[in-house]
Amino acid sequence: MRWLVGVVVGFSLSCNCGQSPSCVNGFAVRDTPLFEVGVPYRGRVGFLAACRDATSVRGTLVDSDNLPVQFSASLGDGATVDLSFTPLSAGPHHLDLVVEPNLGRVQADLISGVRRSRAQRSMALPSPANGCRPAHLTSRGRLVCGQAMGTAAVYVVNDGGLEQALPLNGVTAVGDVMWTEDRGELQRWEEGPAGFVPSAARPGGLSGLSVLAATERYAFMADTNRVNRVSFEDGGWSVEQFEVPMLEATYGAGVLSGVATGSMSSDGGAWWSPGARPCLNPVARDGGQRCFESPVQVAFTEPGAAWFQASGVIGRISEEGAVSVLPLPANANGLWAPLILNIDQWAIAAESGDGGLHWEILGDGGWYSGWVDGASIYLFTPGRLDVLER
C-alpha cells in the first residue's frame, strides 16, 4: 500500500524582520481551537517574538470550497492577532494573514468539530492517583491506576479514597481483573469486597516478559516470535506456547518487554500488537494472524482499531485493515490517540457514519491529563476524575 499522508494542517510563519529592529524572527504559536458550525468563533494567532512595530493586519479566510468567509482580525499587544468569525460550513478553513508594514505572514488551517451530550460522572481522587495511565473502572466502581504521576506503583481508588497502593511496575486491567508484573513475575488479581486479591501461586518461567494484552482469563506475553498464553481457571495456572511468525517484525527483535500494551480485538478472538507493523495475533495455536501497513509507529490499540499520529493527521486502522485519517487542529497535543488537547480545548476522534473520522469537542473542564479505555474517557484535574461516555 502506498501512503499519502500529505494533509498539511498547521501553521507557517515568515517574518521580514530586517525592516524593524523590534521584530525578531521566531516560530508561530497559536490558540486556534476547533470551530463549530454556526457558533461564533474566537481564536488568537501569536508570535514567539513580538513584531511591536506592527500597524495593521490584513488577510483572507476561505472555506473548503475556496469561498471567502467574512471575518475580523485585529492586533493585540503587538505579538498577537485576534480572530473572530461565524463558520457556516464544516470543511477546513484556510487563513492567510499579513502583518504590516511587511513584518510577517501567517497561514493556518482551521478545523471543525462537533459537540454532543454525554453521560458524565465525577469522583474525588487522592493525590497519588492524579493523572494515571492506564486508568480503568471496574463494575464495582473501583478505579485502577497505573503509572500515576510517573510513579512505579499501582493504585486502587474506592469512594474517593486510596484503598490499595501496590509497588508494581505495570498493570493491565480488564473487567474486574488486573494483571501485574513485579520484578519480572506475573500476578493475577481479582476484585473482591475489600479490594483486589491475588490469585494462587504465580506461574514460573516468564521472568522478564511483559503482558501485551489480556482478558479476565488469559494474559499474552511473548519473547521474539514465541507467544506465551497464560491462563487461570479452576484455581490453577497453565501456560501454552506457540509461534507467531510476524510478531518480531511488529515489535522488533529481542525480548518483548516495556512496549506499549496492546488490547484484545472487539470479539476477543485476537489481540493487537502495536508497533511499526500492527497485527491481530491469534489467541491459540494455528489461529491465524493479520498484519497491516502503517506509515508510522502505532502507539495505541483498542478493541476495533489501532491508532497512529503522523505529520498533521491522526489515523485509525480498523480490524479489517481500512485506514481513515483526520487532520489535526493547530497546536494539537496528542496525549494518547485518539484523545488530543488543543490549548484549553479537549477533543476526541470519533467514527463518522460514512466510515471516516470527525472531531468531537469535549470542552475545557480544567483537565490536564486524559486516557481512553473502551467506552469511557477519563479526564483528570487535581483531586478529581471526570469519566465521560465515549
Protein backbone atom coordinates (compact mmCIF):
# COMPACT_ATOMS: atom_id res chain seq x y z
CA MET A 1 0.00 0.00 0.00
CA ARG A 2 1.28 3.45 -0.88
CA TRP A 3 0.82 6.02 1.82
CA LEU A 4 -0.06 9.59 1.02
CA VAL A 5 -0.26 11.42 4.30
CA GLY A 6 0.01 14.79 2.67
CA VAL A 7 -2.62 16.76 4.54
CA VAL A 8 -0.79 19.85 5.70
CA VAL A 9 -2.72 21.22 8.63
CA GLY A 10 -0.95 23.67 10.84
CA PHE A 11 0.91 26.89 10.74
CA SER A 12 3.61 28.66 8.81
CA LEU A 13 5.23 31.99 9.53
CA SER A 14 7.52 34.25 7.58
CA CYS A 15 8.82 37.49 9.01
CA ASN A 16 10.72 40.20 7.18
CA CYS A 17 12.40 41.16 10.39
CA GLY A 18 15.27 43.09 8.83
CA GLN A 19 12.94 46.06 8.37
CA SER A 20 12.34 46.53 12.08
CA PRO A 21 14.82 46.10 14.92
CA SER A 22 11.99 45.17 17.28
CA CYS A 23 10.66 42.40 15.03
CA VAL A 24 12.69 39.29 15.90
CA ASN A 25 12.34 36.19 13.79
CA GLY A 26 10.78 33.21 15.51
CA PHE A 27 8.21 30.47 15.27
CA ALA A 28 4.46 30.91 15.37
CA VAL A 29 2.39 29.92 18.35
CA ARG A 30 -1.36 29.78 18.18
CA ASP A 31 -4.57 29.42 20.13
CA THR A 32 -6.86 28.29 17.33
CA PRO A 33 -9.26 25.69 18.70
CA LEU A 34 -11.69 23.59 16.70
CA PHE A 35 -14.62 25.62 15.40
CA GLU A 36 -18.32 24.69 15.42
CA VAL A 37 -20.65 25.44 12.53
CA GLY A 38 -22.98 28.32 13.35
CA VAL A 39 -21.19 29.19 16.59
CA PRO A 40 -19.21 32.46 16.86
CA TYR A 41 -15.51 31.63 16.87
CA ARG A 42 -12.70 33.31 18.77
CA GLY A 43 -9.05 32.50 18.16
CA ARG A 44 -5.64 34.03 18.52
CA VAL A 45 -2.50 33.96 16.41
CA GLY A 46 0.74 34.81 18.14
CA PHE A 47 4.48 35.08 17.61
CA LEU A 48 7.16 33.82 19.94
CA ALA A 49 8.91 37.10 19.28
CA ALA A 50 6.94 40.32 19.08
CA CYS A 51 6.77 42.50 15.97
CA ARG A 52 5.91 45.57 18.00
CA ASP A 53 6.18 47.99 15.08
CA ALA A 54 3.04 46.43 13.58
CA THR A 55 0.44 48.98 12.50
CA SER A 56 -2.25 46.79 10.92
CA VAL A 57 -3.17 43.31 9.79
CA ARG A 58 -4.88 42.20 6.61
CA GLY A 59 -5.68 38.87 5.02
CA THR A 60 -8.25 36.37 3.84
CA LEU A 61 -10.22 33.46 5.21
CA VAL A 62 -11.73 30.93 2.79
CA ASP A 63 -13.76 27.79 3.35
CA SER A 64 -13.14 24.32 1.88
CA ASP A 65 -14.79 25.40 -1.40
CA ASN A 66 -12.36 28.34 -1.60
CA LEU A 67 -15.21 30.79 -0.99
CA PRO A 68 -14.46 33.90 1.10
CA VAL A 69 -15.66 33.94 4.70
CA GLN A 70 -16.34 37.20 6.49
CA PHE A 71 -14.04 37.59 9.50
CA SER A 72 -12.30 40.18 11.60
CA ALA A 73 -8.66 40.31 12.63
CA SER A 74 -7.22 42.88 15.00
CA LEU A 75 -3.79 43.46 16.51
CA GLY A 76 -3.33 42.60 20.13
CA ASP A 77 -0.27 43.66 22.09
CA GLY A 78 2.00 43.59 19.05
CA ALA A 79 2.66 39.90 19.38
CA THR A 80 -0.85 38.60 18.71
CA VAL A 81 -3.69 38.86 16.24
CA ASP A 82 -7.25 38.20 17.49
CA LEU A 83 -9.62 36.39 15.10
CA SER A 84 -13.40 36.16 15.03
CA PHE A 85 -15.91 34.77 12.54
CA THR A 86 -19.03 32.61 12.41
CA PRO A 87 -18.42 29.50 10.28
CA LEU A 88 -21.27 28.36 8.04
CA SER A 89 -19.73 25.12 6.77
CA ALA A 90 -17.74 22.32 8.36
CA GLY A 91 -14.78 21.90 6.00
CA PRO A 92 -11.29 23.20 6.81
CA HIS A 93 -10.97 26.99 6.59
CA HIS A 94 -7.69 28.46 5.36
CA LEU A 95 -6.39 31.64 7.00
CA ASP A 96 -3.79 33.90 5.38
CA LEU A 97 -2.70 36.98 7.35
CA VAL A 98 -0.10 39.69 6.65
CA VAL A 99 1.13 41.97 9.42
CA GLU A 100 2.01 45.42 8.16
CA PRO A 101 4.26 47.18 7.43
CA ASN A 102 5.55 43.96 5.80
CA LEU A 103 6.55 42.44 9.13
CA GLY A 104 5.29 38.92 8.76
CA ARG A 105 2.84 36.50 7.23
CA VAL A 106 0.93 33.68 8.92
CA GLN A 107 -1.01 30.88 7.23
CA ALA A 108 -3.08 28.28 9.03
CA ASP A 109 -5.89 25.78 8.51
CA LEU A 110 -8.74 25.93 10.99
CA ILE A 111 -10.54 22.61 11.61
CA SER A 112 -14.12 21.93 12.69
CA GLY A 113 -15.55 19.81 15.47
CA VAL A 114 -18.97 18.97 16.87
CA ARG A 115 -20.40 18.68 20.37
CA ARG A 116 -22.93 16.20 21.68
CA SER A 117 -24.36 15.48 25.08
CA ARG A 118 -22.50 12.80 27.04
CA ALA A 119 -23.19 10.99 30.27
CA GLN A 120 -20.63 12.06 32.86
CA ARG A 121 -19.71 11.07 36.38
CA SER A 122 -17.11 12.55 38.68
CA MET A 123 -15.16 11.14 41.59
CA ALA A 124 -12.67 12.51 44.07
CA LEU A 125 -9.07 11.40 43.67
CA PRO A 126 -6.37 11.15 46.31
CA SER A 127 -3.18 12.89 45.19
CA PRO A 128 -1.13 9.72 44.44
CA ALA A 129 -3.64 8.73 41.76
CA ASN A 130 -3.71 12.01 39.83
CA GLY A 131 -3.17 11.69 36.08
CA CYS A 132 -2.77 7.93 35.95
CA ARG A 133 -2.26 5.92 32.73
CA PRO A 134 -3.71 3.43 32.23
CA ALA A 135 -6.98 4.07 34.05
CA HIS A 136 -9.80 1.56 34.36
CA LEU A 137 -13.11 1.44 36.26
CA THR A 138 -14.37 -1.93 37.46
CA SER A 139 -18.03 -2.93 37.64
CA ARG A 140 -17.99 -2.09 41.37
CA GLY A 141 -16.76 1.41 40.68
CA ARG A 142 -13.15 0.99 41.75
CA LEU A 143 -10.52 2.89 39.77
CA VAL A 144 -7.32 1.05 38.85
CA CYS A 145 -4.45 3.48 38.20
CA GLY A 146 -1.08 2.70 36.70
CA GLN A 147 1.98 4.95 36.47
CA ALA A 148 0.24 7.79 38.31
CA MET A 149 2.36 10.96 38.20
CA GLY A 150 5.24 8.85 36.86
CA THR A 151 5.46 6.60 39.92
CA ALA A 152 6.22 2.89 39.67
CA ALA A 153 3.09 1.82 41.53
CA VAL A 154 -0.46 0.64 41.01
CA TYR A 155 -3.18 2.44 42.95
CA VAL A 156 -6.73 1.31 43.62
CA VAL A 157 -9.19 4.08 44.48
CA ASN A 158 -12.59 3.45 46.04
CA ASP A 159 -15.14 6.08 47.08
CA GLY A 160 -12.56 8.83 46.60
CA GLY A 161 -10.03 7.23 48.94
CA LEU A 162 -6.84 5.28 48.35
CA GLU A 163 -7.75 1.66 49.06
CA GLN A 164 -4.56 -0.07 47.86
CA ALA A 165 -1.07 1.07 46.89
CA LEU A 166 0.90 -1.75 45.26
CA PRO A 167 4.62 -1.30 44.47
CA LEU A 168 4.32 -2.77 40.98
CA ASN A 169 5.71 -1.53 37.68
CA GLY A 170 3.00 -2.49 35.23
CA VAL A 171 -0.72 -3.21 35.20
CA THR A 172 -3.24 -4.39 32.61
CA ALA A 173 -6.80 -4.12 33.90
CA VAL A 174 -9.78 -5.70 32.17
CA GLY A 175 -13.25 -6.22 33.60
CA ASP A 176 -12.83 -6.96 37.31
CA VAL A 177 -9.36 -8.48 36.96
CA MET A 178 -5.92 -6.95 36.77
CA TRP A 179 -2.63 -8.49 35.68
CA THR A 180 0.53 -7.02 37.19
CA GLU A 181 4.26 -7.51 36.86
CA ASP A 182 6.58 -7.39 39.84
CA ARG A 183 10.32 -7.76 39.21
CA GLY A 184 9.56 -9.76 36.07
CA GLU A 185 6.98 -12.03 37.70
CA LEU A 186 3.35 -12.18 36.60
CA GLN A 187 0.46 -11.94 39.04
CA ARG A 188 -3.31 -12.02 38.51
CA TRP A 189 -5.67 -10.18 40.87
CA GLU A 190 -9.42 -10.49 41.28
CA GLU A 191 -11.66 -7.78 42.69
CA GLY A 192 -13.32 -8.62 45.99
CA PRO A 193 -15.43 -6.72 48.54
CA ALA A 194 -12.35 -5.17 50.17
CA GLY A 195 -10.23 -4.62 47.07
CA PHE A 196 -8.10 -6.72 44.76
CA VAL A 197 -6.86 -10.09 45.99
CA PRO A 198 -4.04 -12.04 44.28
CA SER A 199 -4.84 -15.40 42.77
CA ALA A 200 -2.95 -18.55 43.68
CA ALA A 201 0.79 -19.04 43.18
CA ARG A 202 2.33 -17.25 40.23
CA PRO A 203 3.34 -19.13 37.07
CA GLY A 204 7.05 -19.69 36.61
CA GLY A 205 9.33 -19.35 33.60
CA LEU A 206 8.05 -15.95 32.46
CA SER A 207 10.59 -13.68 34.10
CA GLY A 208 11.40 -10.55 32.10
CA LEU A 209 8.31 -10.66 29.88
CA SER A 210 5.52 -8.10 29.81
CA VAL A 211 1.79 -8.53 29.38
CA LEU A 212 0.98 -7.45 25.82
CA ALA A 213 -2.79 -7.96 26.01
CA ALA A 214 -5.21 -9.71 28.33
CA THR A 215 -8.73 -10.87 29.08
CA GLU A 216 -10.03 -11.77 32.53
CA ARG A 217 -8.92 -15.34 31.86
CA TYR A 218 -5.83 -15.03 29.62
CA ALA A 219 -2.69 -12.92 29.52
CA PHE A 220 -0.49 -12.88 26.43
CA MET A 221 3.28 -12.48 26.80
CA ALA A 222 5.98 -13.03 24.22
CA ASP A 223 9.69 -13.49 23.61
CA THR A 224 10.59 -12.72 19.95
CA ASN A 225 8.21 -14.93 17.92
CA ARG A 226 7.05 -17.20 20.73
CA VAL A 227 3.77 -16.31 22.47
CA ASN A 228 3.00 -17.46 25.99
CA ARG A 229 -0.72 -17.69 26.65
CA VAL A 230 -1.11 -17.71 30.41
CA SER A 231 -4.48 -18.80 31.75
CA PHE A 232 -6.01 -19.16 35.19
CA GLU A 233 -9.09 -21.25 35.85
CA ASP A 234 -10.39 -23.67 38.49
CA GLY A 235 -7.74 -22.37 40.86
CA GLY A 236 -4.80 -23.36 38.67
CA TRP A 237 -2.36 -21.87 36.16
CA SER A 238 -1.43 -23.14 32.74
CA VAL A 239 0.97 -21.79 30.10
CA GLU A 240 0.74 -22.65 26.42
CA GLN A 241 3.47 -21.60 23.98
CA PHE A 242 3.11 -21.23 20.22
CA GLU A 243 4.84 -19.42 17.37
CA VAL A 244 3.55 -16.20 15.78
CA PRO A 245 5.74 -15.51 12.71
CA MET A 246 5.33 -11.74 12.32
CA LEU A 247 5.48 -10.80 15.99
CA GLU A 248 9.19 -9.96 15.95
CA ALA A 249 8.71 -7.79 12.86
CA THR A 250 5.98 -5.94 14.71
CA TYR A 251 7.86 -5.16 17.90
CA GLY A 252 11.46 -5.51 16.84
CA ALA A 253 13.95 -8.19 17.81
CA GLY A 254 14.58 -9.25 21.37
CA VAL A 255 12.54 -9.83 24.48
CA LEU A 256 9.18 -8.12 24.18
CA SER A 257 9.01 -6.05 27.33
CA GLY A 258 8.47 -2.42 28.07
CA VAL A 259 6.46 -1.87 24.86
CA ALA A 260 3.08 -0.21 24.55
CA THR A 261 0.35 -2.56 25.75
CA GLY A 262 -1.99 -3.85 23.10
CA SER A 263 -5.60 -4.88 23.50
CA MET A 264 -7.99 -7.61 22.55
CA SER A 265 -9.99 -7.46 19.33
CA SER A 266 -13.63 -6.47 19.50
CA ASP A 267 -14.79 -10.11 19.52
CA GLY A 268 -11.98 -11.36 21.78
CA GLY A 269 -10.77 -13.74 19.09
CA ALA A 270 -7.41 -12.00 18.56
CA TRP A 271 -5.14 -9.49 20.25
CA TRP A 272 -3.45 -6.39 18.90
CA SER A 273 0.27 -5.89 18.92
CA PRO A 274 1.15 -2.23 18.30
CA GLY A 275 4.40 -1.05 16.76
CA ALA A 276 5.77 -0.40 13.29
CA ARG A 277 3.52 -3.07 11.76
CA PRO A 278 0.37 -3.61 13.83
CA CYS A 279 -1.02 -7.13 13.82
CA LEU A 280 -4.04 -9.02 15.08
CA ASN A 281 -2.48 -12.10 16.64
CA PRO A 282 -4.06 -15.49 17.40
CA VAL A 283 -5.26 -16.43 20.87
CA ALA A 284 -4.44 -20.09 20.21
CA ARG A 285 -2.05 -22.18 18.16
CA ASP A 286 -2.76 -22.09 14.40
CA GLY A 287 -5.26 -19.30 14.93
CA GLY A 288 -4.01 -17.15 12.05
CA GLN A 289 -2.53 -13.68 12.03
CA ARG A 290 -3.40 -10.49 10.15
CA CYS A 291 -0.92 -7.62 9.86
CA PHE A 292 -1.41 -4.13 8.43
CA GLU A 293 0.78 -1.43 6.97
CA SER A 294 1.12 1.82 8.92
CA PRO A 295 3.01 4.97 7.88
CA VAL A 296 4.38 5.45 11.40
CA GLN A 297 4.60 3.61 14.69
CA VAL A 298 1.26 2.60 16.19
CA ALA A 299 1.30 3.53 19.86
CA PHE A 300 -2.30 2.81 20.91
CA THR A 301 -4.71 -0.02 20.20
CA GLU A 302 -8.20 -0.77 21.42
CA PRO A 303 -10.94 -3.23 20.53
CA GLY A 304 -11.78 -2.38 16.95
CA ALA A 305 -8.79 -0.28 15.92
CA ALA A 306 -5.13 0.72 16.05
CA TRP A 307 -4.28 4.46 16.14
CA PHE A 308 -1.29 6.46 14.89
CA GLN A 309 -0.26 10.10 14.60
CA ALA A 310 1.66 11.25 11.54
CA SER A 311 2.59 14.73 10.38
CA GLY A 312 -0.57 16.81 10.52
CA VAL A 313 -3.01 13.90 10.85
CA ILE A 314 -4.33 11.28 13.21
CA GLY A 315 -5.12 7.88 11.72
CA ARG A 316 -7.16 4.80 12.52
CA ILE A 317 -6.62 1.25 11.20
CA SER A 318 -9.70 -0.95 11.58
CA GLU A 319 -9.70 -4.68 12.24
CA GLU A 320 -10.43 -5.15 8.54
CA GLY A 321 -7.40 -3.04 7.58
CA ALA A 322 -9.37 0.03 6.45
CA VAL A 323 -7.48 3.27 7.10
CA SER A 324 -9.09 6.62 7.95
CA VAL A 325 -7.18 9.84 8.58
CA LEU A 326 -8.30 13.11 10.12
CA PRO A 327 -6.47 16.46 10.06
CA LEU A 328 -5.09 17.54 13.41
CA PRO A 329 -6.00 21.03 14.60
CA ALA A 330 -3.20 23.54 15.02
CA ASN A 331 -1.23 23.19 18.25
CA ALA A 332 -2.74 19.79 18.97
CA ASN A 333 -1.03 17.94 21.79
CA GLY A 334 -1.67 14.24 21.28
CA LEU A 335 -1.86 12.78 24.76
CA TRP A 336 -2.98 9.31 23.82
CA ALA A 337 -4.59 8.83 20.43
CA PRO A 338 -7.43 9.34 19.75
CA LEU A 339 -7.62 11.91 22.57
CA ILE A 340 -5.99 15.31 21.99
CA LEU A 341 -5.59 18.65 23.75
CA ASN A 342 -5.59 21.93 21.85
CA ILE A 343 -4.60 24.68 24.32
CA ASP A 344 -7.59 24.51 26.71
CA GLN A 345 -9.89 22.54 24.42
CA TRP A 346 -10.12 18.76 24.60
CA ALA A 347 -11.40 16.65 21.71
CA ILE A 348 -11.60 13.03 20.64
CA ALA A 349 -11.55 11.48 17.17
CA ALA A 350 -14.75 9.53 16.52
CA GLU A 351 -16.17 7.46 13.68
CA SER A 352 -18.48 9.14 11.20
CA GLY A 353 -21.45 7.48 9.57
CA ASP A 354 -19.56 7.17 6.28
CA GLY A 355 -16.71 5.21 7.86
CA GLY A 356 -14.46 8.24 8.19
CA LEU A 357 -13.49 10.25 11.26
CA HIS A 358 -14.51 13.56 12.76
CA TRP A 359 -13.60 15.57 15.85
CA GLU A 360 -15.91 15.70 18.84
CA ILE A 361 -15.29 18.57 21.25
CA LEU A 362 -15.29 17.58 24.92
CA GLY A 363 -14.83 21.07 26.40
CA ASP A 364 -12.17 22.65 28.55
CA GLY A 365 -13.11 21.43 32.11
CA GLY A 366 -9.72 22.39 33.54
CA TRP A 367 -8.37 18.94 32.71
CA TYR A 368 -4.62 18.40 32.42
CA SER A 369 -4.39 14.71 31.57
CA GLY A 370 -6.55 12.06 29.93
CA TRP A 371 -6.96 8.44 28.97
CA VAL A 372 -9.30 6.36 26.80
CA ASP A 373 -10.49 2.92 27.93
CA GLY A 374 -13.20 1.18 25.94
CA ALA A 375 -16.43 3.15 26.12
CA SER A 376 -15.08 5.65 28.67
CA ILE A 377 -12.96 8.81 28.52
CA TYR A 378 -11.00 9.62 31.69
CA LEU A 379 -10.13 13.29 32.25
CA PHE A 380 -8.13 14.46 35.24
CA THR A 381 -7.97 17.65 37.26
CA PRO A 382 -6.04 17.85 40.55
CA GLY A 383 -8.11 15.90 43.06
CA ARG A 384 -10.88 14.93 40.63
CA LEU A 385 -11.58 12.45 37.83
CA ASP A 386 -14.34 13.05 35.27
CA VAL A 387 -15.46 9.95 33.36
CA LEU A 388 -17.28 10.77 30.12
CA GLU A 389 -19.24 8.45 27.90
CA ARG A 390 -17.30 7.75 24.70
